[in-house]
Amino acid sequence: MKKLLTVAVLATLLVGLAPIPVHAGGAVNAALALGAFAVLSPFLVLGALAQPFYAPYYAPPPPVYTAPTYASAPAYPVGASAPAPRSPAVQREVVYAQGRHVLLGDGVTSAYQWVWVPNPPAGTPPAPPSR
């Protein structure tokens, strides 16, 4: 396509530069033709230069697939399930001098909830030993 456009532009330029025989009534027609060529030729040249160049596209070869490999059977007997993963240890008590916070719930079936448990009152001090 690019070569065809280049040939067309060159042919137009050569025809425009070729001498035109002037006859008694054809001088006006020749002048109009040359004027039209002079006005339109820059657009033809710029149009040919403005066309983007696309490199030919060659598709990559199709991928080659190998036969799938499967993992070996699990180590447990058929019908048995894998052991459930252990949940991370959660600190369930935070102890203070006046009492402690206790975490209730498991976070899955029941929501976590912190509960304050105060320490029991110290009560009456023991009686002093008698003499």
N, C-alpha and C. Protein backbone atom coordinates (compact mmCIF):
# COMPACT_ATOMS: atom_id res chain seq x y z
N MET A 1 0.83 -1.19 0.00
CA MET A 1 0.00 0.00 0.00
C MET A 1 0.88 1.26 0.00
N LYS A 2 1.97 1.20 0.76
CA LYS A 2 2.86 2.35 0.84
C LYS A 2 3.57 2.58 -0.50
N LYS A 3 3.95 1.51 -1.15
CA LYS A 3 4.62 1.64 -2.44
C LYS A 3 3.66 2.19 -3.49
N LEU A 4 2.42 1.71 -3.48
CA LEU A 4 1.44 2.17 -4.44
C LEU A 4 1.18 3.67 -4.27
N LEU A 5 1.10 4.12 -3.03
CA LEU A 5 0.88 5.53 -2.76
C LEU A 5 2.07 6.37 -3.21
N THR A 6 3.27 5.85 -3.00
CA THR A 6 4.48 6.56 -3.42
C THR A 6 4.52 6.69 -4.94
N VAL A 7 4.17 5.62 -5.63
CA VAL A 7 4.16 5.66 -7.10
C VAL A 7 3.11 6.66 -7.59
N ALA A 8 1.94 6.69 -6.94
CA ALA A 8 0.89 7.62 -7.35
C ALA A 8 1.33 9.07 -7.15
N VAL A 9 1.99 9.36 -6.03
CA VAL A 9 2.46 10.73 -5.78
C VAL A 9 3.53 11.12 -6.79
N LEU A 10 4.45 10.23 -7.08
CA LEU A 10 5.51 10.53 -8.06
C LEU A 10 4.92 10.75 -9.45
N ALA A 11 3.94 9.93 -9.82
CA ALA A 11 3.32 10.10 -11.14
C ALA A 11 2.61 11.43 -11.21
N THR A 12 1.94 11.82 -10.13
CA THR A 12 1.25 13.12 -10.13
C THR A 12 2.25 14.26 -10.26
N LEU A 13 3.37 14.15 -9.57
CA LEU A 13 4.38 15.20 -9.67
C LEU A 13 4.97 15.28 -11.08
N LEU A 14 5.22 14.12 -11.69
CA LEU A 14 5.78 14.12 -13.04
C LEU A 14 4.79 14.67 -14.07
N VAL A 15 3.52 14.33 -13.92
CA VAL A 15 2.52 14.86 -14.85
C VAL A 15 2.41 16.37 -14.68
N GLY A 16 2.49 16.83 -13.46
CA GLY A 16 2.40 18.27 -13.22
C GLY A 16 3.59 19.03 -13.76
N LEU A 17 4.75 18.39 -13.80
CA LEU A 17 5.94 19.06 -14.31
C LEU A 17 6.11 18.93 -15.82
N ALA A 18 5.37 18.02 -16.43
CA ALA A 18 5.49 17.82 -17.89
C ALA A 18 4.97 19.06 -18.63
N PRO A 19 5.63 19.42 -19.72
CA PRO A 19 5.16 20.58 -20.49
C PRO A 19 3.83 20.26 -21.18
N ILE A 20 2.92 21.19 -21.13
CA ILE A 20 1.61 21.02 -21.74
C ILE A 20 1.57 21.89 -23.00
N PRO A 21 1.21 21.29 -24.11
CA PRO A 21 1.14 22.12 -25.31
C PRO A 21 -0.03 23.10 -25.19
N VAL A 22 0.22 24.32 -25.51
CA VAL A 22 -0.78 25.36 -25.39
C VAL A 22 -1.38 25.59 -26.78
N HIS A 23 -2.67 25.44 -26.88
CA HIS A 23 -3.38 25.68 -28.11
C HIS A 23 -4.21 26.94 -27.94
N ALA A 24 -4.87 27.28 -28.92
CA ALA A 24 -5.61 28.53 -28.93
C ALA A 24 -6.69 28.58 -27.86
N GLY A 25 -7.35 27.54 -27.47
CA GLY A 25 -8.39 27.63 -26.46
C GLY A 25 -8.03 26.87 -25.20
N GLY A 26 -6.90 26.18 -25.20
CA GLY A 26 -6.57 25.34 -24.08
C GLY A 26 -5.70 25.99 -23.02
N ALA A 27 -5.34 27.22 -23.21
CA ALA A 27 -4.46 27.87 -22.25
C ALA A 27 -5.16 28.06 -20.92
N VAL A 28 -6.42 28.34 -20.95
CA VAL A 28 -7.15 28.54 -19.71
C VAL A 28 -7.29 27.22 -18.97
N ASN A 29 -7.58 26.15 -19.69
CA ASN A 29 -7.71 24.84 -19.05
C ASN A 29 -6.39 24.39 -18.44
N ALA A 30 -5.30 24.64 -19.15
CA ALA A 30 -3.99 24.23 -18.64
C ALA A 30 -3.64 25.02 -17.38
N ALA A 31 -3.97 26.31 -17.39
CA ALA A 31 -3.68 27.14 -16.23
C ALA A 31 -4.50 26.69 -15.02
N LEU A 32 -5.75 26.31 -15.23
CA LEU A 32 -6.56 25.80 -14.12
C LEU A 32 -6.03 24.47 -13.59
N ALA A 33 -5.59 23.60 -14.49
CA ALA A 33 -5.06 22.31 -14.07
C ALA A 33 -3.78 22.49 -13.27
N LEU A 34 -2.90 23.37 -13.75
CA LEU A 34 -1.65 23.61 -13.01
C LEU A 34 -1.91 24.29 -11.68
N GLY A 35 -2.88 25.18 -11.64
CA GLY A 35 -3.22 25.84 -10.37
C GLY A 35 -3.79 24.86 -9.36
N ALA A 36 -4.66 23.95 -9.83
CA ALA A 36 -5.22 22.95 -8.93
C ALA A 36 -4.13 22.02 -8.42
N PHE A 37 -3.21 21.66 -9.32
CA PHE A 37 -2.12 20.80 -8.90
C PHE A 37 -1.24 21.50 -7.87
N ALA A 38 -0.96 22.77 -8.08
CA ALA A 38 -0.10 23.51 -7.16
C ALA A 38 -0.74 23.64 -5.79
N VAL A 39 -2.06 23.75 -5.77
CA VAL A 39 -2.75 23.90 -4.49
C VAL A 39 -2.87 22.56 -3.77
N LEU A 40 -3.16 21.50 -4.51
CA LEU A 40 -3.44 20.20 -3.89
C LEU A 40 -2.21 19.33 -3.66
N SER A 41 -1.11 19.57 -4.34
CA SER A 41 0.05 18.69 -4.21
C SER A 41 0.65 18.65 -2.80
N PRO A 42 0.71 19.76 -2.05
CA PRO A 42 1.24 19.65 -0.68
C PRO A 42 0.39 18.74 0.19
N PHE A 43 -0.93 18.76 -0.02
CA PHE A 43 -1.79 17.90 0.77
C PHE A 43 -1.58 16.43 0.41
N LEU A 44 -1.32 16.16 -0.86
CA LEU A 44 -1.05 14.78 -1.26
C LEU A 44 0.24 14.27 -0.65
N VAL A 45 1.26 15.11 -0.69
CA VAL A 45 2.56 14.71 -0.13
C VAL A 45 2.46 14.54 1.38
N LEU A 46 1.82 15.50 2.05
CA LEU A 46 1.69 15.40 3.51
C LEU A 46 0.81 14.23 3.90
N GLY A 47 -0.21 13.96 3.11
CA GLY A 47 -1.06 12.81 3.39
C GLY A 47 -0.30 11.51 3.27
N ALA A 48 0.60 11.42 2.30
CA ALA A 48 1.40 10.20 2.14
C ALA A 48 2.38 10.04 3.29
N LEU A 49 2.92 11.16 3.77
CA LEU A 49 3.88 11.08 4.87
C LEU A 49 3.20 10.82 6.21
N ALA A 50 1.94 11.21 6.33
CA ALA A 50 1.25 11.08 7.62
C ALA A 50 0.74 9.66 7.85
N GLN A 51 0.78 8.80 6.85
CA GLN A 51 0.29 7.43 7.02
C GLN A 51 1.23 6.69 7.97
N PRO A 52 0.69 6.06 9.01
CA PRO A 52 1.57 5.32 9.93
C PRO A 52 2.10 4.07 9.26
N PHE A 53 3.27 3.69 9.67
CA PHE A 53 3.89 2.47 9.15
C PHE A 53 3.64 1.34 10.13
N TYR A 54 3.05 0.29 9.65
CA TYR A 54 2.80 -0.88 10.48
C TYR A 54 3.69 -2.01 10.01
N ALA A 55 4.48 -2.51 10.93
CA ALA A 55 5.32 -3.65 10.60
C ALA A 55 4.44 -4.87 10.40
N PRO A 56 4.85 -5.76 9.53
CA PRO A 56 4.03 -6.97 9.33
C PRO A 56 3.94 -7.77 10.62
N TYR A 57 2.77 -8.30 10.86
CA TYR A 57 2.55 -9.05 12.10
C TYR A 57 2.70 -10.53 11.83
N TYR A 58 3.56 -11.14 12.56
CA TYR A 58 3.73 -12.59 12.48
C TYR A 58 3.28 -13.17 13.81
N ALA A 59 2.30 -14.03 13.76
CA ALA A 59 1.77 -14.62 14.99
C ALA A 59 2.80 -15.56 15.60
N PRO A 60 2.89 -15.57 16.93
CA PRO A 60 3.83 -16.49 17.56
C PRO A 60 3.34 -17.92 17.37
N PRO A 61 4.23 -18.86 17.43
CA PRO A 61 3.79 -20.25 17.26
C PRO A 61 2.88 -20.65 18.41
N PRO A 62 1.97 -21.55 18.16
CA PRO A 62 1.08 -21.97 19.24
C PRO A 62 1.85 -22.71 20.33
N PRO A 63 1.40 -22.60 21.58
CA PRO A 63 2.12 -23.29 22.66
C PRO A 63 1.98 -24.80 22.54
N VAL A 64 2.99 -25.46 23.03
CA VAL A 64 2.98 -26.92 23.01
C VAL A 64 2.64 -27.38 24.43
N TYR A 65 1.55 -28.12 24.54
CA TYR A 65 1.12 -28.58 25.85
C TYR A 65 1.55 -30.02 26.06
N THR A 66 1.96 -30.31 27.27
CA THR A 66 2.32 -31.68 27.61
C THR A 66 1.16 -32.29 28.37
N ALA A 67 1.22 -33.58 28.54
CA ALA A 67 0.17 -34.27 29.28
C ALA A 67 0.18 -33.79 30.73
N PRO A 68 -0.98 -33.60 31.35
CA PRO A 68 -1.00 -33.12 32.73
C PRO A 68 -0.46 -34.18 33.69
N THR A 69 0.17 -33.70 34.74
CA THR A 69 0.64 -34.62 35.78
C THR A 69 -0.25 -34.42 37.00
N TYR A 70 -0.57 -35.51 37.64
CA TYR A 70 -1.46 -35.47 38.78
C TYR A 70 -0.69 -35.82 40.05
N ALA A 71 -1.10 -35.21 41.15
CA ALA A 71 -0.45 -35.46 42.43
C ALA A 71 -0.81 -36.88 42.90
N SER A 72 0.03 -37.43 43.73
CA SER A 72 -0.26 -38.76 44.26
C SER A 72 -1.43 -38.69 45.23
N ALA A 73 -2.00 -39.85 45.53
CA ALA A 73 -3.15 -39.92 46.41
C ALA A 73 -2.76 -39.46 47.82
N PRO A 74 -3.72 -38.91 48.60
CA PRO A 74 -3.39 -38.46 49.95
C PRO A 74 -2.98 -39.64 50.84
N ALA A 75 -2.30 -39.31 51.92
CA ALA A 75 -1.78 -40.34 52.80
C ALA A 75 -2.85 -40.95 53.70
N TYR A 76 -4.04 -40.38 53.77
CA TYR A 76 -5.07 -40.93 54.65
C TYR A 76 -5.85 -42.00 53.92
N PRO A 77 -6.47 -42.89 54.67
CA PRO A 77 -7.27 -43.92 54.02
C PRO A 77 -8.52 -43.31 53.38
N VAL A 78 -9.09 -44.03 52.43
CA VAL A 78 -10.27 -43.54 51.73
C VAL A 78 -11.42 -43.40 52.72
N GLY A 79 -12.14 -42.31 52.63
CA GLY A 79 -13.26 -42.08 53.54
C GLY A 79 -12.88 -41.20 54.72
N ALA A 80 -11.62 -41.17 55.07
CA ALA A 80 -11.18 -40.33 56.18
C ALA A 80 -10.89 -38.93 55.64
N SER A 81 -11.06 -37.94 56.47
CA SER A 81 -10.79 -36.58 56.03
C SER A 81 -9.49 -36.10 56.67
N ALA A 82 -8.96 -35.09 56.09
CA ALA A 82 -7.72 -34.51 56.62
C ALA A 82 -8.03 -33.85 57.96
N PRO A 83 -7.06 -33.84 58.86
CA PRO A 83 -7.30 -33.18 60.14
C PRO A 83 -7.50 -31.68 59.94
N ALA A 84 -8.38 -31.11 60.74
CA ALA A 84 -8.67 -29.69 60.65
C ALA A 84 -7.46 -28.89 61.09
N PRO A 85 -7.17 -27.78 60.42
CA PRO A 85 -6.02 -26.98 60.83
C PRO A 85 -6.27 -26.35 62.20
N ARG A 86 -5.22 -26.26 62.97
CA ARG A 86 -5.34 -25.69 64.31
C ARG A 86 -5.40 -24.18 64.21
N SER A 87 -6.28 -23.59 64.99
CA SER A 87 -6.36 -22.14 65.02
C SER A 87 -5.22 -21.60 65.87
N PRO A 88 -4.76 -20.40 65.57
CA PRO A 88 -3.67 -19.84 66.35
C PRO A 88 -4.11 -19.59 67.80
N ALA A 89 -3.13 -19.71 68.68
CA ALA A 89 -3.43 -19.51 70.10
C ALA A 89 -3.84 -18.05 70.35
N VAL A 90 -4.90 -17.88 71.13
CA VAL A 90 -5.41 -16.55 71.44
C VAL A 90 -5.30 -16.35 72.94
N GLN A 91 -4.76 -15.22 73.34
CA GLN A 91 -4.67 -14.93 74.76
C GLN A 91 -6.08 -14.60 75.25
N ARG A 92 -6.61 -15.41 76.15
CA ARG A 92 -8.00 -15.27 76.57
C ARG A 92 -8.15 -14.54 77.90
N GLU A 93 -7.07 -14.24 78.62
CA GLU A 93 -7.17 -13.51 79.89
C GLU A 93 -6.11 -12.43 79.94
N VAL A 94 -6.54 -11.27 80.43
CA VAL A 94 -5.62 -10.17 80.71
C VAL A 94 -5.85 -9.82 82.18
N VAL A 95 -4.83 -10.04 83.01
CA VAL A 95 -4.99 -9.93 84.46
C VAL A 95 -4.48 -8.58 84.94
N TYR A 96 -5.28 -7.95 85.83
CA TYR A 96 -4.92 -6.68 86.49
C TYR A 96 -5.02 -6.90 87.99
N ALA A 97 -4.59 -5.91 88.78
CA ALA A 97 -4.64 -6.04 90.24
C ALA A 97 -6.08 -6.06 90.73
N GLN A 98 -6.99 -5.34 90.09
CA GLN A 98 -8.37 -5.26 90.56
C GLN A 98 -9.25 -6.38 89.99
N GLY A 99 -8.81 -7.06 88.94
CA GLY A 99 -9.61 -8.12 88.32
C GLY A 99 -8.96 -8.56 87.02
N ARG A 100 -9.77 -9.07 86.12
CA ARG A 100 -9.21 -9.54 84.86
C ARG A 100 -10.27 -9.41 83.75
N HIS A 101 -9.78 -9.31 82.52
CA HIS A 101 -10.64 -9.36 81.34
C HIS A 101 -10.56 -10.79 80.80
N VAL A 102 -11.72 -11.38 80.48
CA VAL A 102 -11.77 -12.73 79.92
C VAL A 102 -12.42 -12.65 78.55
N LEU A 103 -11.82 -13.32 77.57
CA LEU A 103 -12.35 -13.34 76.20
C LEU A 103 -13.25 -14.54 76.04
N LEU A 104 -14.52 -14.28 75.70
CA LEU A 104 -15.49 -15.35 75.48
C LEU A 104 -15.77 -15.48 73.99
N GLY A 105 -16.21 -16.65 73.55
CA GLY A 105 -16.54 -16.88 72.15
C GLY A 105 -15.34 -17.41 71.39
N ASP A 106 -15.65 -17.94 70.18
CA ASP A 106 -14.57 -18.48 69.35
C ASP A 106 -14.36 -17.66 68.07
N GLY A 107 -15.18 -16.65 67.81
CA GLY A 107 -15.01 -15.80 66.65
C GLY A 107 -15.60 -16.38 65.38
N VAL A 108 -16.10 -17.64 65.43
CA VAL A 108 -16.68 -18.26 64.25
C VAL A 108 -18.17 -18.52 64.49
N THR A 109 -18.45 -19.38 65.46
CA THR A 109 -19.86 -19.67 65.74
C THR A 109 -20.47 -18.65 66.69
N SER A 110 -19.67 -18.08 67.56
CA SER A 110 -20.14 -17.00 68.43
C SER A 110 -19.09 -15.89 68.43
N ALA A 111 -19.55 -14.66 68.51
CA ALA A 111 -18.65 -13.52 68.40
C ALA A 111 -17.76 -13.42 69.64
N TYR A 112 -16.57 -12.84 69.42
CA TYR A 112 -15.70 -12.57 70.55
C TYR A 112 -16.35 -11.53 71.45
N GLN A 113 -16.14 -11.67 72.77
CA GLN A 113 -16.66 -10.68 73.71
C GLN A 113 -15.77 -10.66 74.93
N TRP A 114 -15.30 -9.46 75.30
CA TRP A 114 -14.48 -9.31 76.49
C TRP A 114 -15.41 -9.04 77.67
N VAL A 115 -15.16 -9.76 78.74
CA VAL A 115 -15.97 -9.61 79.96
C VAL A 115 -15.03 -9.28 81.12
N TRP A 116 -15.43 -8.29 81.95
CA TRP A 116 -14.63 -7.91 83.12
C TRP A 116 -15.08 -8.74 84.31
N VAL A 117 -14.12 -9.39 84.96
CA VAL A 117 -14.40 -10.18 86.16
C VAL A 117 -13.58 -9.58 87.29
N PRO A 118 -14.26 -8.93 88.26
CA PRO A 118 -13.50 -8.31 89.35
C PRO A 118 -12.98 -9.39 90.32
N ASN A 119 -11.89 -9.06 91.01
CA ASN A 119 -11.37 -9.97 92.04
C ASN A 119 -12.33 -9.98 93.24
N PRO A 120 -12.45 -11.12 93.94
CA PRO A 120 -13.33 -11.14 95.13
C PRO A 120 -12.77 -10.21 96.20
N PRO A 121 -13.67 -9.68 97.03
CA PRO A 121 -13.16 -8.79 98.09
C PRO A 121 -12.23 -9.55 99.03
N ALA A 122 -11.31 -8.83 99.55
CA ALA A 122 -10.31 -9.45 100.42
C ALA A 122 -10.95 -9.96 101.71
N GLY A 123 -12.07 -9.42 102.11
CA GLY A 123 -12.72 -9.86 103.35
C GLY A 123 -12.06 -9.23 104.57
N THR A 124 -12.36 -9.77 105.73
CA THR A 124 -11.79 -9.23 106.96
C THR A 124 -10.40 -9.80 107.15
N PRO A 125 -9.51 -8.98 107.66
CA PRO A 125 -8.16 -9.51 107.89
C PRO A 125 -8.21 -10.57 108.99
N PRO A 126 -7.30 -11.50 108.95
CA PRO A 126 -7.29 -12.53 110.01
C PRO A 126 -6.99 -11.92 111.37
N ALA A 127 -7.53 -12.56 112.38
CA ALA A 127 -7.33 -12.08 113.75
C ALA A 127 -5.89 -12.29 114.16
N PRO A 128 -5.38 -11.33 114.98
CA PRO A 128 -3.98 -11.50 115.42
C PRO A 128 -3.90 -12.71 116.36
N PRO A 129 -2.76 -13.33 116.35
CA PRO A 129 -2.62 -14.51 117.23
C PRO A 129 -2.76 -14.10 118.69
N SER A 130 -3.42 -14.90 119.48
CA SER A 130 -3.59 -14.60 120.92
C SER A 130 -2.38 -15.11 121.72
N ARG A 131 -2.14 -14.45 122.83
CA ARG A 131 -0.99 -14.83 123.63
C ARG A 131 -1.37 -15.58 124.80
